[in-house]
Amino acid sequence: MASPIFLVRQQLSRQWWHEKRAKYELVSSQPVVDEARAGAPSAAQKRLHF
């Protein structure tokens, strides 16, 4: 089970991506994309949706 602090940080990160990402040109390296693809398919799909 995730800690409350982890969950708050995760929510703040999602909020930032939703509100601020249009202001920046976002890039990711291939190792970051590979890591995001790992794990449960439904969770990976959420991570890769941007």
N, C-alpha and C. Protein backbone atom coordinates (compact mmCIF):
# COMPACT_ATOMS: atom_id res chain seq x y z
N MET A 1 0.85 -1.19 0.00
CA MET A 1 0.00 0.00 0.00
C MET A 1 0.89 1.25 0.00
N ALA A 2 0.52 2.21 -0.80
CA ALA A 2 1.29 3.44 -0.91
C ALA A 2 1.08 4.32 0.31
N SER A 3 2.13 5.04 0.67
CA SER A 3 2.02 5.94 1.83
C SER A 3 1.22 7.18 1.45
N PRO A 4 0.62 7.84 2.43
CA PRO A 4 -0.12 9.08 2.15
C PRO A 4 0.75 10.16 1.49
N ILE A 5 2.00 10.25 1.89
CA ILE A 5 2.90 11.24 1.30
C ILE A 5 3.12 10.93 -0.18
N PHE A 6 3.34 9.68 -0.51
CA PHE A 6 3.50 9.28 -1.91
C PHE A 6 2.26 9.64 -2.72
N LEU A 7 1.09 9.36 -2.18
CA LEU A 7 -0.15 9.64 -2.89
C LEU A 7 -0.35 11.13 -3.13
N VAL A 8 0.01 11.96 -2.16
CA VAL A 8 -0.10 13.41 -2.33
C VAL A 8 0.87 13.88 -3.40
N ARG A 9 2.10 13.39 -3.37
CA ARG A 9 3.09 13.78 -4.38
C ARG A 9 2.63 13.35 -5.78
N GLN A 10 2.05 12.17 -5.87
CA GLN A 10 1.55 11.68 -7.15
C GLN A 10 0.42 12.58 -7.67
N GLN A 11 -0.48 12.97 -6.79
CA GLN A 11 -1.58 13.83 -7.19
C GLN A 11 -1.07 15.21 -7.61
N LEU A 12 -0.11 15.77 -6.88
CA LEU A 12 0.46 17.07 -7.25
C LEU A 12 1.15 17.00 -8.60
N SER A 13 1.83 15.91 -8.87
CA SER A 13 2.49 15.73 -10.16
C SER A 13 1.46 15.67 -11.28
N ARG A 14 0.40 14.93 -11.09
CA ARG A 14 -0.65 14.85 -12.11
C ARG A 14 -1.30 16.21 -12.34
N GLN A 15 -1.51 16.94 -11.27
CA GLN A 15 -2.09 18.27 -11.39
C GLN A 15 -1.17 19.19 -12.20
N TRP A 16 0.13 19.14 -11.90
CA TRP A 16 1.09 19.97 -12.66
C TRP A 16 1.04 19.62 -14.14
N TRP A 17 1.11 18.35 -14.46
CA TRP A 17 1.08 17.93 -15.86
C TRP A 17 -0.18 18.43 -16.54
N HIS A 18 -1.29 18.35 -15.87
CA HIS A 18 -2.56 18.78 -16.46
C HIS A 18 -2.59 20.29 -16.69
N GLU A 19 -2.10 21.07 -15.74
CA GLU A 19 -2.22 22.53 -15.79
C GLU A 19 -1.08 23.24 -16.51
N LYS A 20 0.12 22.71 -16.46
CA LYS A 20 1.29 23.45 -16.92
C LYS A 20 1.95 22.93 -18.19
N ARG A 21 1.66 21.72 -18.58
CA ARG A 21 2.42 21.12 -19.67
C ARG A 21 2.32 21.87 -20.98
N ALA A 22 1.24 22.59 -21.22
CA ALA A 22 1.09 23.33 -22.48
C ALA A 22 2.10 24.48 -22.61
N LYS A 23 2.68 24.89 -21.51
CA LYS A 23 3.63 26.00 -21.51
C LYS A 23 5.05 25.56 -21.89
N TYR A 24 5.29 24.28 -22.01
CA TYR A 24 6.63 23.75 -22.21
C TYR A 24 6.66 22.76 -23.37
N GLU A 25 7.82 22.61 -23.95
CA GLU A 25 8.05 21.53 -24.91
C GLU A 25 8.61 20.36 -24.10
N LEU A 26 7.83 19.35 -23.94
CA LEU A 26 8.21 18.23 -23.08
C LEU A 26 8.91 17.15 -23.90
N VAL A 27 10.00 16.65 -23.37
CA VAL A 27 10.74 15.57 -24.01
C VAL A 27 11.06 14.51 -22.96
N SER A 28 11.18 13.28 -23.41
CA SER A 28 11.55 12.16 -22.54
C SER A 28 12.56 11.30 -23.26
N SER A 29 13.49 10.78 -22.51
CA SER A 29 14.48 9.87 -23.09
C SER A 29 13.86 8.49 -23.25
N GLN A 30 14.44 7.68 -24.10
CA GLN A 30 13.93 6.33 -24.31
C GLN A 30 13.93 5.50 -23.03
N PRO A 31 14.96 5.59 -22.18
CA PRO A 31 14.89 4.82 -20.93
C PRO A 31 13.70 5.22 -20.04
N VAL A 32 13.33 6.49 -20.05
CA VAL A 32 12.16 6.93 -19.28
C VAL A 32 10.89 6.33 -19.85
N VAL A 33 10.76 6.34 -21.17
CA VAL A 33 9.59 5.76 -21.82
C VAL A 33 9.53 4.25 -21.55
N ASP A 34 10.67 3.59 -21.63
CA ASP A 34 10.71 2.14 -21.35
C ASP A 34 10.25 1.84 -19.93
N GLU A 35 10.70 2.66 -18.98
CA GLU A 35 10.30 2.45 -17.59
C GLU A 35 8.80 2.69 -17.42
N ALA A 36 8.27 3.70 -18.09
CA ALA A 36 6.84 3.99 -18.00
C ALA A 36 6.00 2.86 -18.59
N ARG A 37 6.53 2.16 -19.59
CA ARG A 37 5.81 1.04 -20.20
C ARG A 37 5.79 -0.21 -19.33
N ALA A 38 6.69 -0.29 -18.38
CA ALA A 38 6.80 -1.50 -17.54
C ALA A 38 5.63 -1.59 -16.56
N GLY A 39 5.39 -2.79 -16.08
CA GLY A 39 4.37 -3.00 -15.07
C GLY A 39 3.02 -3.34 -15.66
N ALA A 40 2.01 -3.13 -14.86
CA ALA A 40 0.63 -3.48 -15.25
C ALA A 40 0.23 -2.68 -16.48
N PRO A 41 -0.33 -3.33 -17.49
CA PRO A 41 -0.70 -2.63 -18.72
C PRO A 41 -1.62 -1.43 -18.52
N SER A 42 -2.61 -1.55 -17.64
CA SER A 42 -3.52 -0.42 -17.43
C SER A 42 -2.80 0.77 -16.78
N ALA A 43 -1.90 0.49 -15.85
CA ALA A 43 -1.12 1.56 -15.22
C ALA A 43 -0.14 2.16 -16.21
N ALA A 44 0.48 1.33 -17.04
CA ALA A 44 1.42 1.83 -18.05
C ALA A 44 0.70 2.74 -19.04
N GLN A 45 -0.50 2.36 -19.42
CA GLN A 45 -1.26 3.17 -20.37
C GLN A 45 -1.53 4.56 -19.79
N LYS A 46 -1.86 4.63 -18.50
CA LYS A 46 -2.09 5.92 -17.85
C LYS A 46 -0.81 6.75 -17.82
N ARG A 47 0.32 6.09 -17.54
CA ARG A 47 1.60 6.82 -17.48
C ARG A 47 1.99 7.37 -18.84
N LEU A 48 1.68 6.66 -19.89
CA LEU A 48 2.10 7.05 -21.24
C LEU A 48 1.13 8.01 -21.91
N HIS A 49 -0.01 8.23 -21.33
CA HIS A 49 -1.00 9.12 -21.93
C HIS A 49 -0.67 10.57 -21.60
N PHE A 50 -0.03 11.24 -22.55
CA PHE A 50 0.29 12.67 -22.33
C PHE A 50 0.33 13.42 -23.61
